[in-house]
Protein backbone atom coordinates (compact mmCIF):
# COMPACT_ATOMS: atom_id res chain seq x y z
CA UNK A 1 21.68 7.42 35.31
CA UNK A 2 23.61 4.17 35.55
CA UNK A 3 26.61 4.61 37.88
CA UNK A 4 29.94 4.72 36.06
CA UNK A 5 31.29 1.75 37.97
CA UNK A 6 28.34 -0.51 37.08
CA UNK A 7 29.05 -3.35 34.66
CA UNK A 8 26.82 -4.71 31.93
CA UNK A 9 26.30 -7.88 33.95
CA UNK A 10 25.20 -5.94 37.06
CA UNK A 11 22.81 -3.83 34.99
CA UNK A 12 21.31 -7.00 33.53
CA UNK A 13 20.93 -8.59 36.96
CA UNK A 14 19.04 -5.53 38.22
CA UNK A 15 16.83 -5.45 35.11
CA UNK A 16 16.07 -9.15 35.63
CA UNK A 17 15.06 -8.54 39.25
CA UNK A 18 12.66 -5.80 38.16
CA UNK A 19 11.22 -8.05 35.47
CA UNK A 20 10.61 -10.93 37.89
CA UNK A 21 8.95 -8.65 40.43
CA UNK A 22 6.68 -7.09 37.81
CA UNK A 23 5.45 -10.34 36.23
CA UNK A 24 4.31 -12.85 38.88
CA UNK A 25 1.45 -14.25 36.77
CA UNK A 26 3.74 -15.01 33.84
CA UNK A 27 6.22 -16.60 36.27
CA UNK A 28 3.50 -18.81 37.75
CA UNK A 29 2.23 -19.77 34.32
CA UNK A 30 5.74 -20.73 33.24
CA UNK A 31 6.28 -22.88 36.35
CA UNK A 32 2.98 -24.66 35.73
CA UNK A 33 3.73 -25.12 32.02
CA UNK A 34 7.07 -26.79 32.77
CA UNK A 35 5.19 -29.73 34.29
CA UNK A 36 3.79 -30.77 30.90
CA UNK A 37 5.82 -28.86 28.30
CA UNK A 38 9.63 -29.15 28.12
CA UNK A 39 10.90 -25.75 29.21
CA UNK A 40 7.31 -24.56 29.58
CA UNK A 41 6.84 -24.00 25.84
CA UNK A 42 6.22 -25.75 22.56
CA UNK A 43 8.12 -23.33 20.33
CA UNK A 44 11.76 -22.81 21.25
CA UNK A 45 12.10 -19.25 19.94
CA UNK A 46 9.51 -18.02 22.45
CA UNK A 47 11.66 -18.85 25.47
CA UNK A 48 13.99 -16.34 27.10
CA UNK A 49 15.46 -15.97 30.58
CA UNK A 50 14.29 -15.76 33.30
CA UNK A 51 10.89 -16.75 31.82
CA UNK A 52 8.84 -15.45 28.90
CA UNK A 53 5.85 -13.20 29.23
CA UNK A 54 2.54 -15.00 28.73
CA UNK A 55 0.09 -12.98 26.71
CA UNK A 56 -3.61 -12.90 27.49
CA UNK A 57 -4.91 -11.02 24.45
CA UNK A 58 -4.01 -8.88 21.49
CA UNK A 59 -5.80 -6.16 19.57
CA UNK A 60 -4.40 -4.24 16.62
CA UNK A 61 -0.73 -3.67 17.45
CA UNK A 62 -1.29 -4.02 21.20
CA UNK A 63 -0.65 -6.98 23.51
CA UNK A 64 -1.73 -7.49 27.11
CA UNK A 65 0.01 -10.03 29.36
CA UNK A 66 -1.36 -12.10 32.25
CA UNK A 67 -0.26 -9.43 34.72
CA UNK A 68 -2.27 -6.77 32.89
CA UNK A 69 0.64 -4.88 31.30
CA UNK A 70 0.05 -3.49 27.83
CA UNK A 71 2.72 -3.45 25.12
CA UNK A 72 3.13 -2.02 21.67
CA UNK A 73 3.90 -5.09 19.55
CA UNK A 74 7.06 -4.60 17.48
CA UNK A 75 7.66 -8.35 17.07
CA UNK A 76 4.74 -8.89 14.70
CA UNK A 77 4.82 -12.65 15.30
CA UNK A 78 8.22 -12.90 13.58
CA UNK A 79 6.74 -11.36 10.38
CA UNK A 80 3.57 -13.51 10.35
CA UNK A 81 1.58 -10.85 12.22
CA UNK A 82 1.64 -8.28 9.44
CA UNK A 83 -2.08 -7.55 9.86
CA UNK A 84 -1.96 -7.21 13.63
CA UNK A 85 -4.08 -9.19 16.06
CA UNK A 86 -7.62 -8.20 15.13
CA UNK A 87 -7.92 -6.93 11.56
CA UNK A 88 -11.72 -6.69 11.19
CA UNK A 89 -11.84 -7.57 7.49
CA UNK A 90 -9.88 -10.77 8.08
CA UNK A 91 -11.93 -11.69 11.15
CA UNK A 92 -15.18 -11.17 9.23
CA UNK A 93 -13.97 -13.30 6.32
CA UNK A 94 -12.83 -16.11 8.60
CA UNK A 95 -16.18 -16.09 10.44
CA UNK A 96 -18.00 -16.42 7.13
CA UNK A 97 -15.74 -19.30 6.14
CA UNK A 98 -16.44 -21.00 9.47
CA UNK A 99 -20.15 -20.78 8.82
CA UNK A 100 -19.67 -22.83 5.64
CA UNK A 101 -17.77 -25.68 7.31
CA UNK A 102 -14.23 -26.06 8.60
CA UNK A 103 -12.74 -29.01 6.70
CA UNK A 104 -14.42 -29.88 3.41
CA UNK A 105 -12.05 -32.53 2.04
CA UNK A 106 -12.33 -31.07 -1.45
CA UNK A 107 -11.29 -28.08 -3.53
CA UNK A 108 -13.03 -24.97 -2.19
CA UNK A 109 -14.06 -21.55 -3.39
CA UNK A 110 -11.10 -19.64 -1.91
CA UNK A 111 -7.92 -21.39 -3.04
CA UNK A 112 -8.03 -20.44 -6.73
CA UNK A 113 -8.28 -16.74 -5.94
CA UNK A 114 -5.44 -16.93 -3.43
CA UNK A 115 -3.29 -18.79 -5.95
CA UNK A 116 -4.00 -16.16 -8.59
CA UNK A 117 -3.11 -13.38 -6.15
CA UNK A 118 0.19 -15.05 -5.23
CA UNK A 119 1.15 -15.69 -8.86
CA UNK A 120 0.33 -12.10 -9.79
CA UNK A 121 2.28 -10.67 -6.84
CA UNK A 122 5.62 -12.49 -7.11
CA UNK A 123 7.42 -12.28 -10.46
CA UNK A 124 9.05 -15.73 -10.39
CA UNK A 125 5.85 -17.62 -9.52
CA UNK A 126 4.00 -19.08 -12.53
CA UNK A 127 2.38 -21.85 -10.52
CA UNK A 128 1.99 -22.34 -6.75
CA UNK A 129 1.22 -25.14 -4.29
CA UNK A 130 -0.04 -24.50 -0.78
CA UNK A 131 1.12 -26.20 2.41
CA UNK A 132 1.11 -25.39 6.13
CA UNK A 133 4.35 -23.65 7.07
CA UNK A 134 7.49 -22.08 5.71
CA UNK A 135 9.43 -25.12 6.87
CA UNK A 136 7.20 -27.37 4.81
CA UNK A 137 7.45 -25.04 1.82
CA UNK A 138 11.24 -25.23 1.87
CA UNK A 139 11.19 -28.99 2.26
CA UNK A 140 8.90 -29.36 -0.74
CA UNK A 141 10.98 -26.96 -2.84
CA UNK A 142 14.14 -28.94 -2.05
CA UNK A 143 12.36 -32.21 -2.76
CA UNK A 144 11.18 -30.89 -6.12
CA UNK A 145 14.69 -29.72 -7.05
CA UNK A 146 16.18 -33.09 -6.16
CA UNK A 147 13.51 -34.92 -8.15
CA UNK A 148 13.83 -32.88 -11.36
CA UNK A 149 17.64 -32.74 -11.38
CA UNK A 150 18.29 -36.29 -10.20
CA UNK A 151 20.97 -34.84 -7.92
CA UNK A 152 21.25 -35.03 -4.14
CA UNK A 153 23.19 -32.09 -2.69
CA UNK A 154 21.88 -28.71 -1.56
CA UNK A 155 24.00 -25.58 -1.08
CA UNK A 156 23.02 -23.57 2.00
CA UNK A 157 24.69 -20.69 3.79
CA UNK A 158 26.37 -20.69 7.18
CA UNK A 159 24.06 -19.45 9.93
CA UNK A 160 20.94 -19.73 7.76
CA UNK A 161 17.52 -20.71 9.05
CA UNK A 162 14.94 -22.19 6.70
CA UNK A 163 12.63 -23.85 9.22
CA UNK A 164 12.52 -26.11 12.24
CA UNK A 165 14.39 -28.94 10.49
CA UNK A 166 16.52 -26.71 8.26
CA UNK A 167 18.82 -24.60 10.42
CA UNK A 168 22.55 -24.32 10.05
CA UNK A 169 25.54 -23.13 12.05
CA UNK A 170 29.10 -22.64 10.86
CA UNK A 171 29.51 -25.43 8.34
CA UNK A 172 27.19 -27.76 10.24
CA UNK A 173 23.63 -28.96 10.02
CA UNK A 174 21.35 -28.68 13.07
CA UNK A 175 20.94 -31.79 15.25
CA UNK A 176 17.28 -32.39 14.28
CA UNK A 177 17.63 -31.44 10.61
CA UNK A 178 16.41 -33.57 7.75
CA UNK A 179 19.23 -35.84 6.55
CA UNK A 180 19.85 -34.24 3.16
CA UNK A 181 23.37 -33.80 1.82
CA UNK A 182 24.18 -30.16 2.50
CA UNK A 183 27.23 -28.22 1.41
CA UNK A 184 28.05 -24.83 2.91
CA UNK A 185 29.29 -21.40 1.88
CA UNK A 186 29.52 -18.06 3.69
CA UNK A 187 26.72 -15.58 3.01
CA UNK A 188 27.52 -12.48 0.93
CA UNK A 189 30.74 -14.00 -0.38
CA UNK A 190 30.19 -14.59 -4.08
CA UNK A 191 33.68 -15.95 -4.69
CA UNK A 192 33.46 -18.56 -1.96
CA UNK A 193 29.93 -19.57 -2.96
CA UNK A 194 30.86 -19.97 -6.63
CA UNK A 195 33.85 -22.11 -5.66
CA UNK A 196 31.51 -24.46 -3.77
CA UNK A 197 29.13 -24.60 -6.73
CA UNK A 198 31.96 -25.45 -9.11
CA UNK A 199 33.28 -28.14 -6.77
CA UNK A 200 29.90 -29.88 -6.42
CA UNK A 201 28.22 -28.90 -9.70
CA UNK A 202 27.56 -32.44 -10.96
CA UNK A 203 25.89 -33.42 -7.66
CA UNK A 204 24.19 -30.14 -6.79
CA UNK A 205 20.39 -30.07 -7.02
CA UNK A 206 19.64 -26.70 -5.46
CA UNK A 207 20.93 -23.48 -3.95
CA UNK A 208 18.71 -22.38 -1.06
CA UNK A 209 19.12 -18.78 0.08
CA UNK A 210 17.23 -15.94 1.73
CA UNK A 211 17.63 -12.69 -0.23
CA UNK A 212 17.81 -11.09 3.21
CA UNK A 213 18.69 -13.33 6.14
CA UNK A 214 15.92 -13.01 8.71
CA UNK A 215 16.69 -15.20 11.70
CA UNK A 216 20.40 -14.98 10.90
CA UNK A 217 20.46 -11.33 11.97
CA UNK A 218 18.44 -9.32 9.39
CA UNK A 219 21.34 -9.21 6.93
CA UNK A 220 20.72 -7.97 3.40
CA UNK A 221 22.04 -10.07 0.57
CA UNK A 222 24.25 -8.09 -1.78
CA UNK A 223 22.66 -7.85 -5.25
CA UNK A 224 25.99 -8.92 -6.78
CA UNK A 225 26.11 -11.98 -4.52
CA UNK A 226 22.57 -13.05 -5.39
CA UNK A 227 23.12 -12.30 -9.07
CA UNK A 228 26.23 -14.48 -9.04
CA UNK A 229 24.18 -17.35 -7.60
CA UNK A 230 21.64 -16.90 -10.39
CA UNK A 231 24.34 -17.08 -13.05
CA UNK A 232 26.01 -20.12 -11.48
CA UNK A 233 22.68 -21.94 -11.21
CA UNK A 234 21.97 -21.31 -14.89
CA UNK A 235 25.45 -22.43 -15.90
CA UNK A 236 25.23 -25.77 -14.10
CA UNK A 237 21.52 -26.60 -14.28
CA UNK A 238 21.03 -26.07 -10.54
CA UNK A 239 17.65 -24.98 -9.15
CA UNK A 240 17.89 -21.61 -7.39
CA UNK A 241 15.42 -21.37 -4.48
CA UNK A 242 14.70 -18.08 -2.78
CA UNK A 243 13.36 -18.53 0.75
CA UNK A 244 10.99 -15.55 0.90
CA UNK A 245 9.02 -16.83 3.88
CA UNK A 246 9.97 -13.62 5.72
CA UNK A 247 11.19 -11.35 2.94
CA UNK A 248 8.16 -11.50 0.64
CA UNK A 249 6.74 -8.57 2.63
CA UNK A 250 9.71 -6.33 1.74
CA UNK A 251 8.24 -5.02 -1.49
CA UNK A 252 5.18 -5.30 -3.72
CA UNK A 253 6.80 -8.28 -5.46
CA UNK A 254 8.83 -9.55 -2.52
CA UNK A 255 12.54 -9.00 -2.15
CA UNK A 256 13.09 -10.62 -5.55
CA UNK A 257 11.01 -7.88 -7.13
CA UNK A 258 13.14 -5.19 -5.52
CA UNK A 259 16.41 -6.85 -6.53
CA UNK A 260 15.22 -8.00 -9.97
CA UNK A 261 16.99 -11.31 -9.41
CA UNK A 262 14.49 -14.09 -10.07
CA UNK A 263 14.83 -17.60 -8.64
CA UNK A 264 13.50 -20.81 -10.17
CA UNK A 265 11.45 -21.57 -7.06
CA UNK A 266 10.21 -19.38 -4.22
CA UNK A 267 9.09 -20.53 -0.78
CA UNK A 268 6.49 -18.45 1.05
CA UNK A 269 4.77 -18.42 4.42
CA UNK A 270 3.95 -16.27 7.42
CA UNK A 271 1.60 -13.35 6.70
CA UNK A 272 0.28 -14.56 3.32
CA UNK A 273 -2.24 -16.75 5.14
CA UNK A 274 -3.73 -13.67 6.76
CA UNK A 275 -2.12 -14.49 10.10
CA UNK A 276 -3.15 -18.16 10.12
CA UNK A 277 -0.99 -21.24 9.52
CA UNK A 278 0.32 -21.03 5.97
CA UNK A 279 3.05 -22.07 3.59
CA UNK A 280 3.49 -22.17 -0.18
CA UNK A 281 6.08 -22.92 -2.81
CA UNK A 282 5.95 -21.90 -6.43
CA UNK A 283 7.96 -20.92 -9.43
CA UNK A 284 8.58 -21.88 -13.03
CA UNK A 285 5.64 -23.71 -14.58
CA UNK A 286 7.82 -26.52 -15.95
CA UNK A 287 9.04 -27.28 -12.45
CA UNK A 288 5.89 -26.90 -10.37
CA UNK A 289 3.76 -28.69 -12.97
CA UNK A 290 5.52 -31.88 -11.94
CA UNK A 291 2.87 -31.99 -9.20
CA UNK A 292 0.03 -32.10 -11.74
CA UNK A 293 -1.72 -35.42 -10.92
CA UNK A 294 -2.83 -35.77 -14.56
CA UNK A 295 0.76 -36.45 -15.56
CA UNK A 296 2.01 -40.04 -15.73
CA UNK A 297 5.20 -38.90 -13.95
CA UNK A 298 3.42 -36.73 -11.36
CA UNK A 299 5.13 -36.14 -8.04
CA UNK A 300 2.96 -36.62 -4.93
CA UNK A 301 2.12 -33.72 -2.63
CA UNK A 302 -0.07 -34.45 0.37
CA UNK A 303 -1.31 -32.32 3.25
CA UNK A 304 -4.74 -32.50 4.87
CA UNK A 305 -4.86 -28.79 5.63
CA UNK A 306 -3.03 -27.45 2.55
CA UNK A 307 -6.18 -25.71 1.32
CA UNK A 308 -8.05 -25.28 4.60
CA UNK A 309 -10.84 -22.77 4.22
CA UNK A 310 -9.82 -20.56 7.15
CA UNK A 311 -6.32 -19.85 5.84
CA UNK A 312 -7.43 -19.59 2.22
CA UNK A 313 -10.19 -17.08 3.04
CA UNK A 314 -7.96 -14.98 5.30
CA UNK A 315 -5.18 -14.99 2.73
CA UNK A 316 -7.46 -13.76 -0.04
CA UNK A 317 -8.77 -10.73 1.83
CA UNK A 318 -5.29 -9.94 3.13
CA UNK A 319 -3.50 -9.87 -0.23
CA UNK A 320 -6.42 -8.54 -2.24
CA UNK A 321 -7.77 -5.81 0.02
CA UNK A 322 -5.28 -4.95 2.77
CA UNK A 323 -1.60 -5.52 1.96
CA UNK A 324 -1.80 -4.02 -1.49
CA UNK A 325 1.36 -3.11 -3.41
CA UNK A 326 0.86 0.49 -2.26
CA UNK A 327 0.65 -0.60 1.38
CA UNK A 328 3.82 -2.66 0.95
CA UNK A 329 5.68 0.44 -0.22
CA UNK A 330 4.30 2.55 2.63
CA UNK A 331 5.07 0.05 5.40
CA UNK A 332 8.60 -0.62 4.21
CA UNK A 333 9.33 3.10 3.92
CA UNK A 334 8.26 3.46 7.56
CA UNK A 335 10.61 0.64 8.49
CA UNK A 336 13.53 2.27 6.71
CA UNK A 337 12.82 5.53 8.54
CA UNK A 338 12.60 3.77 11.92
CA UNK A 339 15.92 2.05 11.27
CA UNK A 340 17.51 5.40 10.43
CA UNK A 341 16.13 7.02 13.59
CA UNK A 342 17.32 4.21 15.87
CA UNK A 343 20.78 4.33 14.35
CA UNK A 344 20.91 8.11 14.72
CA UNK A 345 19.93 7.88 18.40
CA UNK A 346 22.79 5.49 19.11
CA UNK A 347 25.30 7.42 17.01
CA UNK A 348 24.46 10.69 18.77
CA UNK A 349 25.25 9.06 22.12
CA UNK A 350 28.39 7.27 21.00
CA UNK A 351 26.93 3.81 21.67
CA UNK A 352 28.23 1.02 19.41
CA UNK A 353 25.12 -0.16 17.62
CA UNK A 354 23.83 -1.28 14.23
CA UNK A 355 20.25 -1.46 13.01
CA UNK A 356 20.34 -3.97 10.15
CA UNK A 357 17.73 -5.28 7.76
CA UNK A 358 15.63 -3.53 5.17
CA UNK A 359 12.10 -2.27 4.99
CA UNK A 360 9.79 -3.55 7.69
CA UNK A 361 12.24 -6.08 9.19
CA UNK A 362 14.92 -4.75 11.55
CA UNK A 363 17.74 -6.30 13.58
CA UNK A 364 19.27 -4.60 16.64
CA UNK A 365 22.95 -5.33 17.27
CA UNK A 366 25.11 -3.79 20.02
CA UNK A 367 28.40 -3.61 18.14
CA UNK A 368 30.41 -1.41 15.80
CA UNK A 369 31.99 -4.27 13.84
CA UNK A 370 30.57 -4.71 10.31
CA UNK A 371 27.83 -7.31 9.80
CA UNK A 372 27.75 -9.18 6.51
CA UNK A 373 27.00 -12.71 7.69
CA UNK A 374 25.56 -14.34 10.83
CA UNK A 375 28.94 -15.09 12.42
CA UNK A 376 29.66 -11.36 12.48
CA UNK A 377 26.82 -10.76 14.97
CA UNK A 378 28.80 -12.65 17.61
CA UNK A 379 30.53 -9.38 18.48
CA UNK A 380 27.34 -8.27 20.27
CA UNK A 381 27.48 -9.25 23.96
CA UNK A 382 24.64 -11.59 24.92
CA UNK A 383 24.09 -9.49 28.04
CA UNK A 384 23.52 -6.38 25.90
CA UNK A 385 20.80 -8.16 23.93
CA UNK A 386 19.15 -9.34 27.12
CA UNK A 387 19.38 -5.95 28.83
CA UNK A 388 17.91 -4.03 25.91
CA UNK A 389 15.10 -6.57 25.60
CA UNK A 390 14.07 -6.45 29.27
CA UNK A 391 14.42 -2.69 29.49
CA UNK A 392 12.29 -2.03 26.38
CA UNK A 393 9.69 -4.44 27.76
CA UNK A 394 9.71 -2.37 30.97
CA UNK A 395 9.01 0.67 28.80
CA UNK A 396 6.08 -1.06 27.12
CA UNK A 397 7.53 -2.42 23.87
CA UNK A 398 7.63 -6.06 22.81
CA UNK A 399 10.13 -7.60 20.36
CA UNK A 400 12.41 -10.63 20.23
CA UNK A 401 15.25 -11.25 22.67
CA UNK A 402 17.72 -11.51 19.80
CA UNK A 403 16.81 -7.97 18.72
CA UNK A 404 14.43 -8.95 15.93
CA UNK A 405 11.68 -6.48 14.96
CA UNK A 406 8.98 -6.82 12.30
CA UNK A 407 6.43 -4.10 11.80
CA UNK A 408 2.70 -4.53 11.41
CA UNK A 409 0.15 -2.46 9.55
CA UNK A 410 -1.80 -1.28 12.64
CA UNK A 411 1.25 0.52 14.10
CA UNK A 412 0.67 4.27 14.02
CA UNK A 413 2.95 7.28 13.91
CA UNK A 414 2.77 7.71 17.69
CA UNK A 415 3.89 4.10 18.17
CA UNK A 416 7.01 4.69 16.09
CA UNK A 417 7.76 7.98 17.84
CA UNK A 418 7.26 6.43 21.28
CA UNK A 419 9.50 3.50 20.43
CA UNK A 420 12.30 5.82 19.35
CA UNK A 421 11.84 7.85 22.55
CA UNK A 422 11.93 4.72 24.72
CA UNK A 423 15.02 3.49 22.87
CA UNK A 424 16.75 6.83 23.44
CA UNK A 425 15.78 6.77 27.12
CA UNK A 426 17.27 3.28 27.44
CA UNK A 427 20.48 4.51 25.81
CA UNK A 428 20.68 7.49 28.17
CA UNK A 429 20.22 5.26 31.22
CA UNK A 430 22.66 2.55 30.16
CA UNK A 431 25.14 4.31 27.89
CA UNK A 432 28.17 3.66 30.17
CA UNK A 433 27.71 -0.12 30.24
CA UNK A 434 26.74 -0.34 26.55
CA UNK A 435 29.78 1.66 25.52
CA UNK A 436 32.14 -0.67 27.37
């Protein structure tokens, strides 16, 4: 047990020492990487102190690092790894696609079927265009909204993340963001959001919102809040965009299908490409058909790898054969049960904690204060996030430093049970410092 006079900071320092001692190969790899990559990485979210683990291989829902440690993967590549690391049906399909040529520079035999699967799956999507990432999908959706409305401004929500050049803090745009005219409102506050819409209605092209904030802390959007946005968009001729890059896995028809609030445009990404690089945006036919090159007023949409055969082939087998609507229901029910069990473990021990999110996406927060928007998560001590992360890694479970979890299909009942047991063991060891 942790001594009663130990502080959270001391517990973290000791956990960090254990981590450094256990992972010399990852430490050496990080030091080497820093000579050619700023901070030793080329994707900021993968860095955490004192250095990130470097993975050597993955199979199913298992990862193995350079030091030979094995982990159950509860990160799921930030929702992109829905199928795990070695789904045989996807691997077989990709190998067959490789045998037919990598880049064909023409329409191919896979993209139509994937487009039909996407349109059939998501209720707001009449037409779809493919691209290469969720960031790109959101950029194209915004660009389309600005073009069809002839307006410039975009309403976003404080603390939202919509891609590498579309992230937002409290009333401010990120330093490397695209230079669009953004206006801001707090998430889950219908009154405040509607006031912003009314104030900028004549200049507002789009409202961009996640129906559940992913990177912002796994925060569900209230149905009333999202419904109010839908009504305001209709009233003022504003294009409502749902960023479902993460949340499209939260039901057979995405989060929009569960809420029965339909946007004008939907952006997609992550797992829909079968675990390969993927993005898409789609929606009402009258909007997306502006990209039809047969039209005299056609909008341009370029992208060398938009329809690359590897992603298209993997996406088809994934949506058609593996992540069926029935599997979506099953996986998300398992996520809801895991969230309940984690919350119960903390409640039983009197540890301030909240497991947020819905379905197969979960956020871990070490606080009792209510969480309705990203700013609310600031009540969780940074040291508590770091300690829980390092200590669950020590127990053989991998997820994000910020407490982000996304579940994958290969996870089995024993994996869930073992994770709950490891979480409870962590609570028992560190309850005094977590309870303040």
